[in-house]
Amino acid sequence: MNIGPFLFPPLVFATLVGVLVLMIITAVLTRRVHAQFDQWLWIILVCMGLSARFGFVMRHWESFSQEPWRIFYIWQGGFEPIWGLVAGVFSLLFLSTWRRRAIGLGAYGIALAAALAALAFTPQTLSKPLPDLSLMRLTGETVRLSDYTNEKVVLNIWASWCGPCRREMPMLEQAERDYSDVHFLFVNQGEQVTTVETYLRQEGLNMEQSVILDPRYTVAKEFDTLGTPTTLFFNKNRLVATHLGELSAERLKDYLRLMRP
């Protein structure tokens, strides 16, 4: 979902809608019922956010334990919605009377319904096949994307001037080595060969065979992507997931699970 210059993944957009609805309802309740609802708004938001993140970290603790500071990299995404929803219910205990808790539960339910409605009506990425496009590898060879129709493929749309792209690239280079049954193709957008080669050399990235040059943004246009980085996951010629923005190793692992037979 894009609003003006801002691009939101469907779940993020739905969450923002739910938060906005809850803020409006609690503002009314603060004026007409009790001032405690103003405090409860921030309690429920903090509880839900921390719990959802905690659930995700616990599920991937083996990975996070090696670099615990990445627990705070929330811009990469990584939340367990069920943990957050349960925490939202428990936050009602911060309201001091059962009447206020019942009213708070109603407000919570309305906000949740608004979020689910926003998610349902947000345009979803169509399950397109790999396009029949011929592009050039950085090494000079021609690659036809449709040749990978029977494979597991990760298409990463990136550019060297893109900060999030640069941050996730070392992780993706490692993933290419770790997941030998998956073909990683890094589709560079609109840059010259020398620019890409200089970037890879400066960063010490050994990805020349996997980088594809897309000077006319044909892949981005094919899938209507509006920003970089965007990562597309294909399993046997079917798009199974799309990730907008910077990708973490943990989110990548979750997406690759969707590609299992």
Protein backbone atom coordinates (compact mmCIF):
# COMPACT_ATOMS: atom_id res chain seq x y z
CA MET A 1 0.00 0.00 0.00
CA ASN A 2 1.44 3.39 -0.98
CA ILE A 3 0.21 6.71 0.39
CA GLY A 4 1.84 9.57 -1.49
CA PRO A 5 5.60 8.98 -1.34
CA PHE A 6 5.28 6.41 1.48
CA LEU A 7 5.20 2.68 0.80
CA PHE A 8 3.81 0.28 3.41
CA PRO A 9 3.70 -3.53 3.40
CA PRO A 10 0.08 -4.74 3.84
CA LEU A 11 0.53 -5.88 7.46
CA VAL A 12 2.23 -2.63 8.44
CA PHE A 13 -0.54 -0.59 6.81
CA ALA A 14 -3.21 -2.64 8.60
CA THR A 15 -1.42 -2.14 11.92
CA LEU A 16 -1.28 1.61 11.39
CA VAL A 17 -5.02 1.66 10.64
CA GLY A 18 -5.74 -0.28 13.82
CA VAL A 19 -3.58 2.04 15.92
CA LEU A 20 -5.23 5.13 14.42
CA VAL A 21 -8.72 3.78 15.15
CA LEU A 22 -7.72 2.91 18.72
CA MET A 23 -6.27 6.39 19.24
CA ILE A 24 -9.52 8.00 18.07
CA ILE A 25 -11.67 5.77 20.30
CA THR A 26 -9.52 6.28 23.40
CA ALA A 27 -9.54 10.04 22.84
CA VAL A 28 -13.35 9.95 22.99
CA LEU A 29 -13.32 7.64 26.01
CA THR A 30 -10.84 9.89 27.81
CA ARG A 31 -13.22 12.84 27.50
CA ARG A 32 -16.50 11.04 28.12
CA VAL A 33 -15.71 8.11 30.42
CA HIS A 34 -12.43 8.47 32.33
CA ALA A 35 -8.99 10.01 31.90
CA GLN A 36 -7.39 6.61 32.56
CA PHE A 37 -8.05 5.60 28.96
CA ASP A 38 -5.41 8.08 27.79
CA GLN A 39 -2.77 6.28 29.84
CA TRP A 40 -4.07 2.87 28.78
CA LEU A 41 -3.59 3.72 25.10
CA TRP A 42 0.17 3.98 25.51
CA ILE A 43 0.29 0.96 27.80
CA ILE A 44 -1.45 -1.27 25.25
CA LEU A 45 0.70 -0.03 22.34
CA VAL A 46 3.94 -0.61 24.25
CA CYS A 47 2.82 -4.01 25.56
CA MET A 48 1.74 -5.22 22.14
CA GLY A 49 4.87 -3.98 20.39
CA LEU A 50 7.31 -5.41 22.95
CA SER A 51 5.49 -8.73 23.20
CA ALA A 52 5.25 -9.20 19.43
CA ARG A 53 8.96 -8.48 19.07
CA PHE A 54 9.82 -10.73 22.02
CA GLY A 55 7.91 -13.62 20.47
CA PHE A 56 9.80 -13.27 17.19
CA VAL A 57 13.17 -13.03 18.96
CA MET A 58 12.44 -16.13 21.03
CA ARG A 59 11.50 -18.12 17.93
CA HIS A 60 14.81 -17.16 16.35
CA TRP A 61 16.87 -17.02 19.52
CA GLU A 62 19.65 -19.22 18.14
CA SER A 63 20.33 -16.55 15.52
CA PHE A 64 19.82 -13.50 17.73
CA SER A 65 21.98 -14.89 20.53
CA GLN A 66 25.02 -14.58 18.28
CA GLU A 67 24.36 -10.86 17.65
CA PRO A 68 22.00 -9.75 20.46
CA TRP A 69 22.16 -6.07 19.49
CA ARG A 70 20.09 -6.94 16.42
CA ILE A 71 17.11 -7.47 18.70
CA PHE A 72 16.67 -3.70 18.48
CA TYR A 73 16.75 -3.60 14.65
CA ILE A 74 12.98 -3.29 14.45
CA TRP A 75 13.11 -1.49 11.09
CA GLN A 76 13.90 -4.90 9.57
CA GLY A 77 10.52 -6.16 10.74
CA GLY A 78 10.06 -9.35 12.70
CA PHE A 79 7.03 -9.50 15.00
CA GLU A 80 4.74 -12.31 16.14
CA PRO A 81 1.16 -10.96 15.78
CA ILE A 82 -0.36 -13.57 18.12
CA TRP A 83 1.97 -12.55 20.96
CA GLY A 84 1.00 -8.92 20.41
CA LEU A 85 -2.74 -9.66 20.37
CA VAL A 86 -2.54 -11.66 23.60
CA ALA A 87 -0.58 -8.84 25.26
CA GLY A 88 -3.30 -6.42 24.17
CA VAL A 89 -5.89 -8.41 26.09
CA PHE A 90 -3.72 -8.58 29.21
CA SER A 91 -3.17 -4.81 29.05
CA LEU A 92 -6.85 -4.39 30.02
CA LEU A 93 -5.82 -5.31 33.55
CA PHE A 94 -4.20 -1.87 33.83
CA LEU A 95 -7.69 -0.36 33.80
CA SER A 96 -8.86 -0.13 37.39
CA THR A 97 -12.52 -1.23 37.16
CA TRP A 98 -14.30 -4.07 35.38
CA ARG A 99 -16.56 -1.57 33.65
CA ARG A 100 -13.58 0.23 32.13
CA ARG A 101 -12.03 -3.09 31.18
CA ALA A 102 -15.20 -4.09 29.35
CA ILE A 103 -15.26 -0.76 27.52
CA GLY A 104 -11.54 -1.13 26.74
CA LEU A 105 -12.14 -4.63 25.36
CA GLY A 106 -14.81 -3.21 23.07
CA ALA A 107 -12.44 -0.50 21.86
CA TYR A 108 -9.73 -3.09 21.31
CA GLY A 109 -12.13 -5.27 19.31
CA ILE A 110 -13.20 -2.38 17.08
CA ALA A 111 -9.56 -1.42 16.40
CA LEU A 112 -8.70 -5.05 15.61
CA ALA A 113 -11.66 -5.31 13.24
CA ALA A 114 -10.52 -2.13 11.47
CA ALA A 115 -7.01 -3.55 11.08
CA LEU A 116 -8.33 -6.82 9.66
CA ALA A 117 -10.60 -4.93 7.26
CA ALA A 118 -7.66 -2.82 6.08
CA LEU A 119 -5.61 -5.98 5.55
CA ALA A 120 -8.44 -7.63 3.61
CA PHE A 121 -8.95 -4.65 1.29
CA THR A 122 -5.27 -3.84 0.76
CA PRO A 123 -4.21 -4.92 -2.75
CA GLN A 124 -2.09 -8.04 -2.46
CA THR A 125 0.83 -8.95 -4.70
CA LEU A 126 -0.39 -11.12 -7.55
CA SER A 127 1.15 -14.56 -7.78
CA LYS A 128 2.94 -13.94 -11.06
CA PRO A 129 5.38 -16.36 -12.70
CA LEU A 130 8.97 -15.50 -13.47
CA PRO A 131 8.98 -13.14 -16.46
CA ASP A 132 10.46 -14.18 -19.77
CA LEU A 133 13.19 -11.54 -19.65
CA SER A 134 16.77 -11.75 -20.83
CA LEU A 135 19.26 -9.70 -18.81
CA MET A 136 23.02 -9.59 -18.52
CA ARG A 137 25.02 -10.89 -15.60
CA LEU A 138 27.77 -8.72 -14.25
CA THR A 139 30.19 -11.25 -15.76
CA GLY A 140 28.81 -10.51 -19.24
CA GLU A 141 26.73 -13.66 -19.68
CA THR A 142 23.07 -13.52 -20.66
CA VAL A 143 20.55 -14.97 -18.24
CA ARG A 144 16.92 -15.71 -19.01
CA LEU A 145 14.75 -15.57 -15.91
CA SER A 146 12.23 -18.04 -17.32
CA ASP A 147 14.98 -20.70 -17.34
CA TYR A 148 14.49 -20.98 -13.56
CA THR A 149 10.83 -21.96 -13.72
CA ASN A 150 11.40 -25.32 -11.98
CA GLU A 151 13.63 -23.91 -9.25
CA LYS A 152 13.44 -22.02 -5.98
CA VAL A 153 14.44 -18.44 -6.76
CA VAL A 154 15.02 -15.33 -4.68
CA LEU A 155 15.04 -12.11 -6.72
CA ASN A 156 16.51 -9.18 -4.82
CA ILE A 157 15.94 -5.78 -6.46
CA TRP A 158 18.65 -3.40 -5.29
CA ALA A 159 21.01 -0.51 -6.05
CA SER A 160 24.37 0.45 -4.58
CA TRP A 161 23.14 3.94 -3.59
CA CYS A 162 20.37 2.40 -1.44
CA GLY A 163 21.35 2.30 2.26
CA PRO A 164 19.08 -0.61 3.28
CA CYS A 165 20.30 -2.56 0.24
CA ARG A 166 23.89 -2.12 1.36
CA ARG A 167 23.09 -3.19 4.91
CA GLU A 168 21.36 -6.43 3.89
CA MET A 169 23.78 -7.44 1.13
CA PRO A 170 26.41 -9.19 3.33
CA MET A 171 23.66 -11.27 4.90
CA LEU A 172 22.31 -12.21 1.47
CA GLU A 173 25.78 -13.15 0.28
CA GLN A 174 26.06 -15.53 3.25
CA ALA A 175 22.56 -16.88 2.59
CA GLU A 176 23.53 -17.70 -0.97
CA ARG A 177 26.21 -19.99 0.44
CA ASP A 178 24.01 -21.44 3.18
CA TYR A 179 20.99 -22.31 1.02
CA SER A 180 22.51 -24.19 -1.89
CA ASP A 181 19.11 -25.38 -3.13
CA VAL A 182 17.94 -21.80 -3.74
CA HIS A 183 19.01 -19.58 -6.65
CA PHE A 184 19.72 -16.02 -5.51
CA LEU A 185 19.63 -13.38 -8.25
CA PHE A 186 20.51 -9.80 -7.34
CA VAL A 187 18.87 -7.53 -9.89
CA ASN A 188 20.66 -4.19 -9.92
CA GLN A 189 18.56 -1.20 -10.95
CA GLY A 190 19.85 1.22 -13.55
CA GLU A 191 23.56 1.37 -12.64
CA GLN A 192 26.66 1.07 -14.79
CA VAL A 193 28.87 -2.03 -14.71
CA THR A 194 31.78 -0.06 -13.25
CA THR A 195 29.60 1.33 -10.47
CA VAL A 196 28.43 -2.12 -9.40
CA GLU A 197 31.91 -3.63 -9.67
CA THR A 198 33.39 -0.85 -7.57
CA TYR A 199 30.76 -1.32 -4.88
CA LEU A 200 31.28 -5.09 -4.66
CA ARG A 201 35.04 -4.69 -4.55
CA GLN A 202 34.94 -2.03 -1.84
CA GLU A 203 32.58 -4.11 0.31
CA GLY A 204 34.48 -7.35 -0.26
CA LEU A 205 31.40 -9.11 -1.68
CA ASN A 206 31.93 -12.12 -3.92
CA MET A 207 28.68 -11.99 -5.86
CA GLU A 208 29.69 -11.37 -9.45
CA GLN A 209 27.98 -14.53 -10.75
CA SER A 210 24.69 -13.68 -9.06
CA VAL A 211 24.39 -9.98 -9.89
CA ILE A 212 22.19 -9.16 -12.88
CA LEU A 213 22.12 -5.75 -14.53
CA ASP A 214 18.69 -4.28 -15.22
CA PRO A 215 19.43 -0.84 -16.72
CA ARG A 216 15.80 -0.19 -17.75
CA TYR A 217 14.15 -1.38 -14.50
CA THR A 218 12.27 -4.09 -16.38
CA VAL A 219 11.92 -6.44 -13.38
CA ALA A 220 10.68 -3.64 -11.12
CA LYS A 221 8.13 -2.63 -13.76
CA GLU A 222 7.03 -6.23 -14.27
CA PHE A 223 6.14 -6.61 -10.58
CA ASP A 224 5.12 -3.00 -9.91
CA THR A 225 7.67 -2.58 -7.12
CA LEU A 226 7.92 0.99 -5.89
CA GLY A 227 11.15 0.97 -3.92
CA THR A 228 14.43 -0.73 -3.14
CA PRO A 229 15.22 -3.12 -1.73
CA THR A 230 12.40 -5.46 -2.67
CA THR A 231 12.84 -9.22 -2.46
CA LEU A 232 10.64 -11.67 -4.39
CA PHE A 233 10.40 -15.36 -3.54
CA PHE A 234 9.49 -17.91 -6.22
CA ASN A 235 8.88 -21.63 -5.92
CA LYS A 236 8.54 -23.51 -9.21
CA ASN A 237 7.51 -20.45 -11.18
CA ARG A 238 5.05 -19.14 -8.59
CA LEU A 239 5.55 -15.96 -6.59
CA VAL A 240 4.93 -17.03 -2.98
CA ALA A 241 6.03 -13.92 -1.05
CA THR A 242 7.23 -10.33 -1.45
CA HIS A 243 9.25 -8.42 1.11
CA LEU A 244 9.50 -4.63 0.94
CA GLY A 245 12.46 -2.98 2.61
CA GLU A 246 15.50 -4.28 4.44
CA LEU A 247 15.52 -8.02 5.07
CA SER A 248 16.95 -9.74 8.15
CA ALA A 249 18.38 -13.26 8.23
CA GLU A 250 15.45 -14.35 10.40
CA ARG A 251 12.78 -12.99 8.06
CA LEU A 252 14.62 -14.58 5.13
CA LYS A 253 14.53 -17.93 6.91
CA ASP A 254 10.77 -17.60 7.44
CA TYR A 255 10.20 -16.76 3.78
CA LEU A 256 12.30 -19.71 2.61
CA ARG A 257 10.13 -22.01 4.73
CA LEU A 258 7.20 -20.96 2.53
CA MET A 259 9.11 -22.32 -0.47
CA ARG A 260 9.30 -25.87 0.84
CA PRO A 261 7.47 -28.46 -1.27
